[in-house]
Amino acid sequence: IKPYAKCSDKESSDEYNGLLLSPNMDKLFEHGLISIDDEGKIMLSSKLDITIINNMKLSEIKKINVHEKNKIYLNYHRTNKFVK
């Protein structure tokens, strides 16, 4: 979640600094077009094309399992990567 180059030594090897996503979801996440709130709900960027939202059925995803320890890294992503 938090890029390796921005991590402390501890963060770079923290198992909670990562999410298992499909390749398409990972690419959207990496480019800040989606993020995940602390409850596991997908956040969609206003820059994300409606065709992609519909084709990937992003609005139908109810929740992604988020561990309490993922939240610090997800907050980093929402603050530094997510394009509102």
PDB file of N, CA and C in Angstrom:
ATOM      1  N   ILE A   1       0.854  -1.185   0.000  1.00  0.00           N
ATOM      2  CA  ILE A   1       0.000   0.000   0.000  1.00  0.00           C
ATOM      3  C   ILE A   1       0.893   1.238   0.000  1.00  0.00           C
ATOM      4  N   LYS A   2       1.737   1.335   1.004  1.00  0.00           N
ATOM      5  CA  LYS A   2       2.693   2.447   1.049  1.00  0.00           C
ATOM      6  C   LYS A   2       3.909   2.027   0.244  1.00  0.00           C
ATOM      7  N   PRO A   3       4.343   2.852  -0.713  1.00  0.00           N
ATOM      8  CA  PRO A   3       5.472   2.478  -1.566  1.00  0.00           C
ATOM      9  C   PRO A   3       6.743   2.187  -0.764  1.00  0.00           C
ATOM     10  N   TYR A   4       7.453   1.174  -1.217  1.00  0.00           N
ATOM     11  CA  TYR A   4       8.682   0.739  -0.559  1.00  0.00           C
ATOM     12  C   TYR A   4       9.643   1.909  -0.337  1.00  0.00           C
ATOM     13  N   ALA A   5       9.782   2.771  -1.319  1.00  0.00           N
ATOM     14  CA  ALA A   5      10.716   3.900  -1.223  1.00  0.00           C
ATOM     15  C   ALA A   5      10.341   4.882  -0.114  1.00  0.00           C
ATOM     16  N   LYS A   6       9.089   4.882   0.294  1.00  0.00           N
ATOM     17  CA  LYS A   6       8.611   5.801   1.331  1.00  0.00           C
ATOM     18  C   LYS A   6       8.541   5.139   2.706  1.00  0.00           C
ATOM     19  N   CYS A   7       8.842   3.845   2.772  1.00  0.00           N
ATOM     20  CA  CYS A   7       8.692   3.070   4.005  1.00  0.00           C
ATOM     21  C   CYS A   7       9.920   3.111   4.897  1.00  0.00           C
ATOM     22  N   SER A   8       9.666   2.994   6.187  1.00  0.00           N
ATOM     23  CA  SER A   8      10.751   2.711   7.127  1.00  0.00           C
ATOM     24  C   SER A   8      11.116   1.236   6.957  1.00  0.00           C
ATOM     25  N   ASP A   9      12.191   0.804   7.586  1.00  0.00           N
ATOM     26  CA  ASP A   9      12.575  -0.605   7.504  1.00  0.00           C
ATOM     27  C   ASP A   9      11.456  -1.511   8.004  1.00  0.00           C
ATOM     28  N   LYS A  10      10.829  -1.127   9.085  1.00  0.00           N
ATOM     29  CA  LYS A  10       9.743  -1.924   9.659  1.00  0.00           C
ATOM     30  C   LYS A  10       8.551  -1.984   8.700  1.00  0.00           C
ATOM     31  N   GLU A  11       8.174  -0.838   8.130  1.00  0.00           N
ATOM     32  CA  GLU A  11       7.023  -0.789   7.218  1.00  0.00           C
ATOM     33  C   GLU A  11       7.250  -1.610   5.959  1.00  0.00           C
ATOM     34  N   SER A  12       8.479  -1.617   5.458  1.00  0.00           N
ATOM     35  CA  SER A  12       8.755  -2.307   4.200  1.00  0.00           C
ATOM     36  C   SER A  12       8.576  -3.819   4.308  1.00  0.00           C
ATOM     37  N   SER A  13       8.674  -4.353   5.503  1.00  0.00           N
ATOM     38  CA  SER A  13       8.482  -5.798   5.682  1.00  0.00           C
ATOM     39  C   SER A  13       7.193  -6.136   6.438  1.00  0.00           C
ATOM     40  N   ASP A  14       6.363  -5.138   6.668  1.00  0.00           N
ATOM     41  CA  ASP A  14       5.108  -5.349   7.398  1.00  0.00           C
ATOM     42  C   ASP A  14       4.085  -6.037   6.499  1.00  0.00           C
ATOM     43  N   GLU A  15       3.605  -7.185   6.923  1.00  0.00           N
ATOM     44  CA  GLU A  15       2.635  -7.939   6.124  1.00  0.00           C
ATOM     45  C   GLU A  15       1.326  -7.187   5.920  1.00  0.00           C
ATOM     46  N   TYR A  16       1.056  -6.182   6.740  1.00  0.00           N
ATOM     47  CA  TYR A  16      -0.184  -5.417   6.610  1.00  0.00           C
ATOM     48  C   TYR A  16      -0.051  -4.234   5.658  1.00  0.00           C
ATOM     49  N   ASN A  17       1.151  -4.027   5.130  1.00  0.00           N
ATOM     50  CA  ASN A  17       1.375  -2.990   4.126  1.00  0.00           C
ATOM     51  C   ASN A  17       1.189  -3.615   2.742  1.00  0.00           C
ATOM     52  N   GLY A  18       0.022  -4.162   2.523  1.00  0.00           N
ATOM     53  CA  GLY A  18      -0.289  -4.775   1.242  1.00  0.00           C
ATOM     54  C   GLY A  18      -1.709  -5.299   1.226  1.00  0.00           C
ATOM     55  N   LEU A  19      -2.247  -5.441   0.049  1.00  0.00           N
ATOM     56  CA  LEU A  19      -3.581  -5.991  -0.151  1.00  0.00           C
ATOM     57  C   LEU A  19      -3.527  -6.962  -1.319  1.00  0.00           C
ATOM     58  N   LEU A  20      -4.309  -7.997  -1.250  1.00  0.00           N
ATOM     59  CA  LEU A  20      -4.420  -8.930  -2.355  1.00  0.00           C
ATOM     60  C   LEU A  20      -5.595  -8.483  -3.222  1.00  0.00           C
ATOM     61  N   LEU A  21      -5.273  -7.922  -4.380  1.00  0.00           N
ATOM     62  CA  LEU A  21      -6.284  -7.419  -5.313  1.00  0.00           C
ATOM     63  C   LEU A  21      -6.085  -8.082  -6.674  1.00  0.00           C
ATOM     64  N   SER A  22      -7.130  -8.103  -7.458  1.00  0.00           N
ATOM     65  CA  SER A  22      -6.990  -8.590  -8.829  1.00  0.00           C
ATOM     66  C   SER A  22      -6.056  -7.639  -9.578  1.00  0.00           C
ATOM     67  N   PRO A  23      -5.456  -8.093 -10.683  1.00  0.00           N
ATOM     68  CA  PRO A  23      -4.552  -7.212 -11.437  1.00  0.00           C
ATOM     69  C   PRO A  23      -5.218  -5.887 -11.860  1.00  0.00           C
ATOM     70  N   ASN A  24      -6.458  -5.940 -12.293  1.00  0.00           N
ATOM     71  CA  ASN A  24      -7.139  -4.702 -12.713  1.00  0.00           C
ATOM     72  C   ASN A  24      -7.387  -3.763 -11.542  1.00  0.00           C
ATOM     73  N   MET A  25      -7.830  -4.327 -10.422  1.00  0.00           N
ATOM     74  CA  MET A  25      -8.066  -3.508  -9.229  1.00  0.00           C
ATOM     75  C   MET A  25      -6.744  -2.939  -8.717  1.00  0.00           C
ATOM     76  N   ASP A  26      -5.685  -3.749  -8.758  1.00  0.00           N
ATOM     77  CA  ASP A  26      -4.379  -3.294  -8.304  1.00  0.00           C
ATOM     78  C   ASP A  26      -3.897  -2.100  -9.120  1.00  0.00           C
ATOM     79  N   LYS A  27      -4.098  -2.148 -10.417  1.00  0.00           N
ATOM     80  CA  LYS A  27      -3.668  -1.051 -11.289  1.00  0.00           C
ATOM     81  C   LYS A  27      -4.438   0.234 -10.953  1.00  0.00           C
ATOM     82  N   LEU A  28      -5.739   0.118 -10.753  1.00  0.00           N
ATOM     83  CA  LEU A  28      -6.543   1.291 -10.371  1.00  0.00           C
ATOM     84  C   LEU A  28      -6.078   1.841  -9.022  1.00  0.00           C
ATOM     85  N   PHE A  29      -5.801   0.951  -8.082  1.00  0.00           N
ATOM     86  CA  PHE A  29      -5.337   1.344  -6.749  1.00  0.00           C
ATOM     87  C   PHE A  29      -3.986   2.039  -6.847  1.00  0.00           C
ATOM     88  N   GLU A  30      -3.096   1.455  -7.615  1.00  0.00           N
ATOM     89  CA  GLU A  30      -1.746   2.003  -7.786  1.00  0.00           C
ATOM     90  C   GLU A  30      -1.773   3.416  -8.373  1.00  0.00           C
ATOM     91  N   HIS A  31      -2.706   3.651  -9.276  1.00  0.00           N
ATOM     92  CA  HIS A  31      -2.813   4.971  -9.918  1.00  0.00           C
ATOM     93  C   HIS A  31      -3.728   5.927  -9.161  1.00  0.00           C
ATOM     94  N   GLY A  32      -4.216   5.511  -8.011  1.00  0.00           N
ATOM     95  CA  GLY A  32      -5.025   6.391  -7.174  1.00  0.00           C
ATOM     96  C   GLY A  32      -6.450   6.588  -7.659  1.00  0.00           C
ATOM     97  N   LEU A  33      -6.913   5.731  -8.548  1.00  0.00           N
ATOM     98  CA  LEU A  33      -8.270   5.868  -9.073  1.00  0.00           C
ATOM     99  C   LEU A  33      -9.305   5.184  -8.193  1.00  0.00           C
ATOM    100  N   ILE A  34      -8.847   4.309  -7.317  1.00  0.00           N
ATOM    101  CA  ILE A  34      -9.691   3.771  -6.258  1.00  0.00           C
ATOM    102  C   ILE A  34      -8.874   3.761  -4.977  1.00  0.00           C
ATOM    103  N   SER A  35      -9.562   3.771  -3.869  1.00  0.00           N
ATOM    104  CA  SER A  35      -8.938   3.559  -2.576  1.00  0.00           C
ATOM    105  C   SER A  35      -9.943   2.786  -1.733  1.00  0.00           C
ATOM    106  N   ILE A  36      -9.602   2.569  -0.488  1.00  0.00           N
ATOM    107  CA  ILE A  36     -10.457   1.791   0.403  1.00  0.00           C
ATOM    108  C   ILE A  36     -10.520   2.522   1.733  1.00  0.00           C
ATOM    109  N   ASP A  37     -11.752   2.728   2.229  1.00  0.00           N
ATOM    110  CA  ASP A  37     -11.882   3.402   3.520  1.00  0.00           C
ATOM    111  C   ASP A  37     -11.641   2.393   4.649  1.00  0.00           C
ATOM    112  N   ASP A  38     -11.657   2.878   5.875  1.00  0.00           N
ATOM    113  CA  ASP A  38     -11.327   2.025   7.019  1.00  0.00           C
ATOM    114  C   ASP A  38     -12.347   0.923   7.269  1.00  0.00           C
ATOM    115  N   GLU A  39     -13.523   1.040   6.690  1.00  0.00           N
ATOM    116  CA  GLU A  39     -14.543  -0.002   6.831  1.00  0.00           C
ATOM    117  C   GLU A  39     -14.482  -1.012   5.685  1.00  0.00           C
ATOM    118  N   GLY A  40     -13.600  -0.780   4.715  1.00  0.00           N
ATOM    119  CA  GLY A  40     -13.432  -1.695   3.590  1.00  0.00           C
ATOM    120  C   GLY A  40     -14.242  -1.327   2.358  1.00  0.00           C
ATOM    121  N   LYS A  41     -14.886  -0.167   2.392  1.00  0.00           N
ATOM    122  CA  LYS A  41     -15.679   0.270   1.241  1.00  0.00           C
ATOM    123  C   LYS A  41     -14.770   0.894   0.174  1.00  0.00           C
ATOM    124  N   ILE A  42     -15.044   0.523  -1.080  1.00  0.00           N
ATOM    125  CA  ILE A  42     -14.270   1.065  -2.209  1.00  0.00           C
ATOM    126  C   ILE A  42     -14.628   2.537  -2.410  1.00  0.00           C
ATOM    127  N   MET A  43     -13.594   3.355  -2.559  1.00  0.00           N
ATOM    128  CA  MET A  43     -13.764   4.770  -2.874  1.00  0.00           C
ATOM    129  C   MET A  43     -13.385   4.955  -4.340  1.00  0.00           C
ATOM    130  N   LEU A  44     -14.233   5.610  -5.085  1.00  0.00           N
ATOM    131  CA  LEU A  44     -14.000   5.819  -6.512  1.00  0.00           C
ATOM    132  C   LEU A  44     -13.598   7.263  -6.777  1.00  0.00           C
ATOM    133  N   SER A  45     -12.539   7.435  -7.541  1.00  0.00           N
ATOM    134  CA  SER A  45     -12.081   8.763  -7.924  1.00  0.00           C
ATOM    135  C   SER A  45     -13.060   9.390  -8.908  1.00  0.00           C
ATOM    136  N   SER A  46     -13.199  10.694  -8.836  1.00  0.00           N
ATOM    137  CA  SER A  46     -14.025  11.413  -9.813  1.00  0.00           C
ATOM    138  C   SER A  46     -13.397  11.351 -11.202  1.00  0.00           C
ATOM    139  N   LYS A  47     -12.118  10.985 -11.279  1.00  0.00           N
ATOM    140  CA  LYS A  47     -11.407  10.874 -12.558  1.00  0.00           C
ATOM    141  C   LYS A  47     -11.602   9.503 -13.221  1.00  0.00           C
ATOM    142  N   LEU A  48     -12.240   8.581 -12.507  1.00  0.00           N
ATOM    143  CA  LEU A  48     -12.446   7.233 -13.019  1.00  0.00           C
ATOM    144  C   LEU A  48     -13.618   7.229 -14.000  1.00  0.00           C
ATOM    145  N   ASP A  49     -13.365   6.741 -15.195  1.00  0.00           N
ATOM    146  CA  ASP A  49     -14.372   6.711 -16.258  1.00  0.00           C
ATOM    147  C   ASP A  49     -15.540   5.801 -15.879  1.00  0.00           C
ATOM    148  N   ILE A  50     -16.745   6.254 -16.130  1.00  0.00           N
ATOM    149  CA  ILE A  50     -17.953   5.494 -15.803  1.00  0.00           C
ATOM    150  C   ILE A  50     -17.979   4.138 -16.515  1.00  0.00           C
ATOM    151  N   THR A  51     -17.388   4.063 -17.691  1.00  0.00           N
ATOM    152  CA  THR A  51     -17.331   2.794 -18.420  1.00  0.00           C
ATOM    153  C   THR A  51     -16.538   1.756 -17.630  1.00  0.00           C
ATOM    154  N   ILE A  52     -15.441   2.166 -17.046  1.00  0.00           N
ATOM    155  CA  ILE A  52     -14.631   1.259 -16.224  1.00  0.00           C
ATOM    156  C   ILE A  52     -15.410   0.852 -14.981  1.00  0.00           C
ATOM    157  N   ILE A  53     -16.052   1.809 -14.357  1.00  0.00           N
ATOM    158  CA  ILE A  53     -16.860   1.515 -13.165  1.00  0.00           C
ATOM    159  C   ILE A  53     -17.915   0.462 -13.497  1.00  0.00           C
ATOM    160  N   ASN A  54     -18.600   0.644 -14.622  1.00  0.00           N
ATOM    161  CA  ASN A  54     -19.654  -0.292 -15.021  1.00  0.00           C
ATOM    162  C   ASN A  54     -19.092  -1.639 -15.457  1.00  0.00           C
ATOM    163  N   ASN A  55     -18.055  -1.638 -16.281  1.00  0.00           N
ATOM    164  CA  ASN A  55     -17.484  -2.891 -16.786  1.00  0.00           C
ATOM    165  C   ASN A  55     -16.891  -3.743 -15.665  1.00  0.00           C
ATOM    166  N   MET A  56     -16.279  -3.104 -14.692  1.00  0.00           N
ATOM    167  CA  MET A  56     -15.682  -3.842 -13.576  1.00  0.00           C
ATOM    168  C   MET A  56     -16.662  -4.041 -12.430  1.00  0.00           C
ATOM    169  N   LYS A  57     -17.862  -3.465 -12.586  1.00  0.00           N
ATOM    170  CA  LYS A  57     -18.920  -3.577 -11.566  1.00  0.00           C
ATOM    171  C   LYS A  57     -18.421  -3.098 -10.200  1.00  0.00           C
ATOM    172  N   LEU A  58     -17.673  -2.007 -10.220  1.00  0.00           N
ATOM    173  CA  LEU A  58     -17.073  -1.482  -8.997  1.00  0.00           C
ATOM    174  C   LEU A  58     -18.113  -1.020  -7.984  1.00  0.00           C
ATOM    175  N   SER A  59     -19.229  -0.503  -8.464  1.00  0.00           N
ATOM    176  CA  SER A  59     -20.256  -0.026  -7.536  1.00  0.00           C
ATOM    177  C   SER A  59     -20.983  -1.179  -6.850  1.00  0.00           C
ATOM    178  N   GLU A  60     -20.794  -2.395  -7.344  1.00  0.00           N
ATOM    179  CA  GLU A  60     -21.440  -3.567  -6.740  1.00  0.00           C
ATOM    180  C   GLU A  60     -20.603  -4.200  -5.633  1.00  0.00           C
ATOM    181  N   ILE A  61     -19.345  -3.795  -5.519  1.00  0.00           N
ATOM    182  CA  ILE A  61     -18.481  -4.354  -4.472  1.00  0.00           C
ATOM    183  C   ILE A  61     -18.894  -3.725  -3.149  1.00  0.00           C
ATOM    184  N   LYS A  62     -19.355  -4.554  -2.263  1.00  0.00           N
ATOM    185  CA  LYS A  62     -19.858  -4.052  -0.984  1.00  0.00           C
ATOM    186  C   LYS A  62     -18.747  -3.730   0.007  1.00  0.00           C
ATOM    187  N   LYS A  63     -17.780  -4.652   0.122  1.00  0.00           N
ATOM    188  CA  LYS A  63     -16.762  -4.462   1.152  1.00  0.00           C
ATOM    189  C   LYS A  63     -15.560  -5.371   0.884  1.00  0.00           C
ATOM    190  N   ILE A  64     -14.393  -4.850   1.195  1.00  0.00           N
ATOM    191  CA  ILE A  64     -13.153  -5.617   1.167  1.00  0.00           C
ATOM    192  C   ILE A  64     -12.728  -5.800   2.616  1.00  0.00           C
ATOM    193  N   ASN A  65     -12.278  -6.991   2.953  1.00  0.00           N
ATOM    194  CA  ASN A  65     -11.828  -7.230   4.331  1.00  0.00           C
ATOM    195  C   ASN A  65     -10.572  -6.423   4.616  1.00  0.00           C
ATOM    196  N   VAL A  66     -10.656  -5.599   5.637  1.00  0.00           N
ATOM    197  CA  VAL A  66      -9.543  -4.746   6.051  1.00  0.00           C
ATOM    198  C   VAL A  66      -9.200  -5.089   7.493  1.00  0.00           C
ATOM    199  N   HIS A  67      -7.952  -5.423   7.721  1.00  0.00           N
ATOM    200  CA  HIS A  67      -7.478  -5.678   9.081  1.00  0.00           C
ATOM    201  C   HIS A  67      -7.176  -4.340   9.746  1.00  0.00           C
ATOM    202  N   GLU A  68      -7.327  -4.300  11.027  1.00  0.00           N
ATOM    203  CA  GLU A  68      -7.051  -3.078  11.795  1.00  0.00           C
ATOM    204  C   GLU A  68      -5.660  -2.517  11.466  1.00  0.00           C
ATOM    205  N   LYS A  69      -4.694  -3.407  11.267  1.00  0.00           N
ATOM    206  CA  LYS A  69      -3.311  -2.979  11.009  1.00  0.00           C
ATOM    207  C   LYS A  69      -3.101  -2.472   9.578  1.00  0.00           C
ATOM    208  N   ASN A  70      -4.056  -2.720   8.664  1.00  0.00           N
ATOM    209  CA  ASN A  70      -3.980  -2.164   7.308  1.00  0.00           C
ATOM    210  C   ASN A  70      -4.319  -0.676   7.299  1.00  0.00           C
ATOM    211  N   LYS A  71      -5.068  -0.241   8.296  1.00  0.00           N
ATOM    212  CA  LYS A  71      -5.669   1.100   8.259  1.00  0.00           C
ATOM    213  C   LYS A  71      -4.651   2.237   8.177  1.00  0.00           C
ATOM    214  N   ILE A  72      -3.519   2.116   8.841  1.00  0.00           N
ATOM    215  CA  ILE A  72      -2.510   3.174   8.779  1.00  0.00           C
ATOM    216  C   ILE A  72      -1.983   3.327   7.347  1.00  0.00           C
ATOM    217  N   TYR A  73      -1.818   2.200   6.653  1.00  0.00           N
ATOM    218  CA  TYR A  73      -1.321   2.232   5.278  1.00  0.00           C
ATOM    219  C   TYR A  73      -2.406   2.703   4.313  1.00  0.00           C
ATOM    220  N   LEU A  74      -3.641   2.310   4.571  1.00  0.00           N
ATOM    221  CA  LEU A  74      -4.744   2.799   3.732  1.00  0.00           C
ATOM    222  C   LEU A  74      -4.915   4.308   3.894  1.00  0.00           C
ATOM    223  N   ASN A  75      -4.731   4.799   5.108  1.00  0.00           N
ATOM    224  CA  ASN A  75      -4.791   6.249   5.324  1.00  0.00           C
ATOM    225  C   ASN A  75      -3.698   6.946   4.520  1.00  0.00           C
ATOM    226  N   TYR A  76      -2.498   6.372   4.495  1.00  0.00           N
ATOM    227  CA  TYR A  76      -1.418   6.930   3.676  1.00  0.00           C
ATOM    228  C   TYR A  76      -1.848   6.989   2.216  1.00  0.00           C
ATOM    229  N   HIS A  77      -2.430   5.895   1.722  1.00  0.00           N
ATOM    230  CA  HIS A  77      -2.862   5.843   0.324  1.00  0.00           C
ATOM    231  C   HIS A  77      -3.923   6.900   0.031  1.00  0.00           C
ATOM    232  N   ARG A  78      -4.911   7.022   0.891  1.00  0.00           N
ATOM    233  CA  ARG A  78      -5.979   8.006   0.669  1.00  0.00           C
ATOM    234  C   ARG A  78      -5.433   9.436   0.696  1.00  0.00           C
ATOM    235  N   THR A  79      -4.450   9.673   1.531  1.00  0.00           N
ATOM    236  CA  THR A  79      -3.885  11.015   1.682  1.00  0.00           C
ATOM    237  C   THR A  79      -2.899  11.361   0.570  1.00  0.00           C
ATOM    238  N   ASN A  80      -2.115  10.376   0.116  1.00  0.00           N
ATOM    239  CA  ASN A  80      -1.012  10.656  -0.809  1.00  0.00           C
ATOM    240  C   ASN A  80      -1.183  10.157  -2.241  1.00  0.00           C
ATOM    241  N   LYS A  81      -2.069   9.206  -2.468  1.00  0.00           N
ATOM    242  CA  LYS A  81      -2.204   8.620  -3.795  1.00  0.00           C
ATOM    243  C   LYS A  81      -3.586   8.810  -4.422  1.00  0.00           C
ATOM    244  N   PHE A  82      -4.619   8.728  -3.606  1.00  0.00           N
ATOM    245  CA  PHE A  82      -5.982   8.759  -4.107  1.00  0.00           C
ATOM    246  C   PHE A  82      -6.302  10.112  -4.741  1.00  0.00           C
ATOM    247  N   VAL A  83      -6.842  10.042  -5.959  1.00  0.00           N
ATOM    248  CA  VAL A  83      -7.252  11.242  -6.693  1.00  0.00           C
ATOM    249  C   VAL A  83      -8.746  11.427  -6.477  1.00  0.00           C
ATOM    250  N   LYS A  84      -9.089  12.420  -5.684  1.00  0.00           N
ATOM    251  CA  LYS A  84     -10.514  12.622  -5.380  1.00  0.00           C
ATOM    252  C   LYS A  84     -11.217  13.132  -6.591  1.00  0.00           C
TER     253      LYS A  84
END
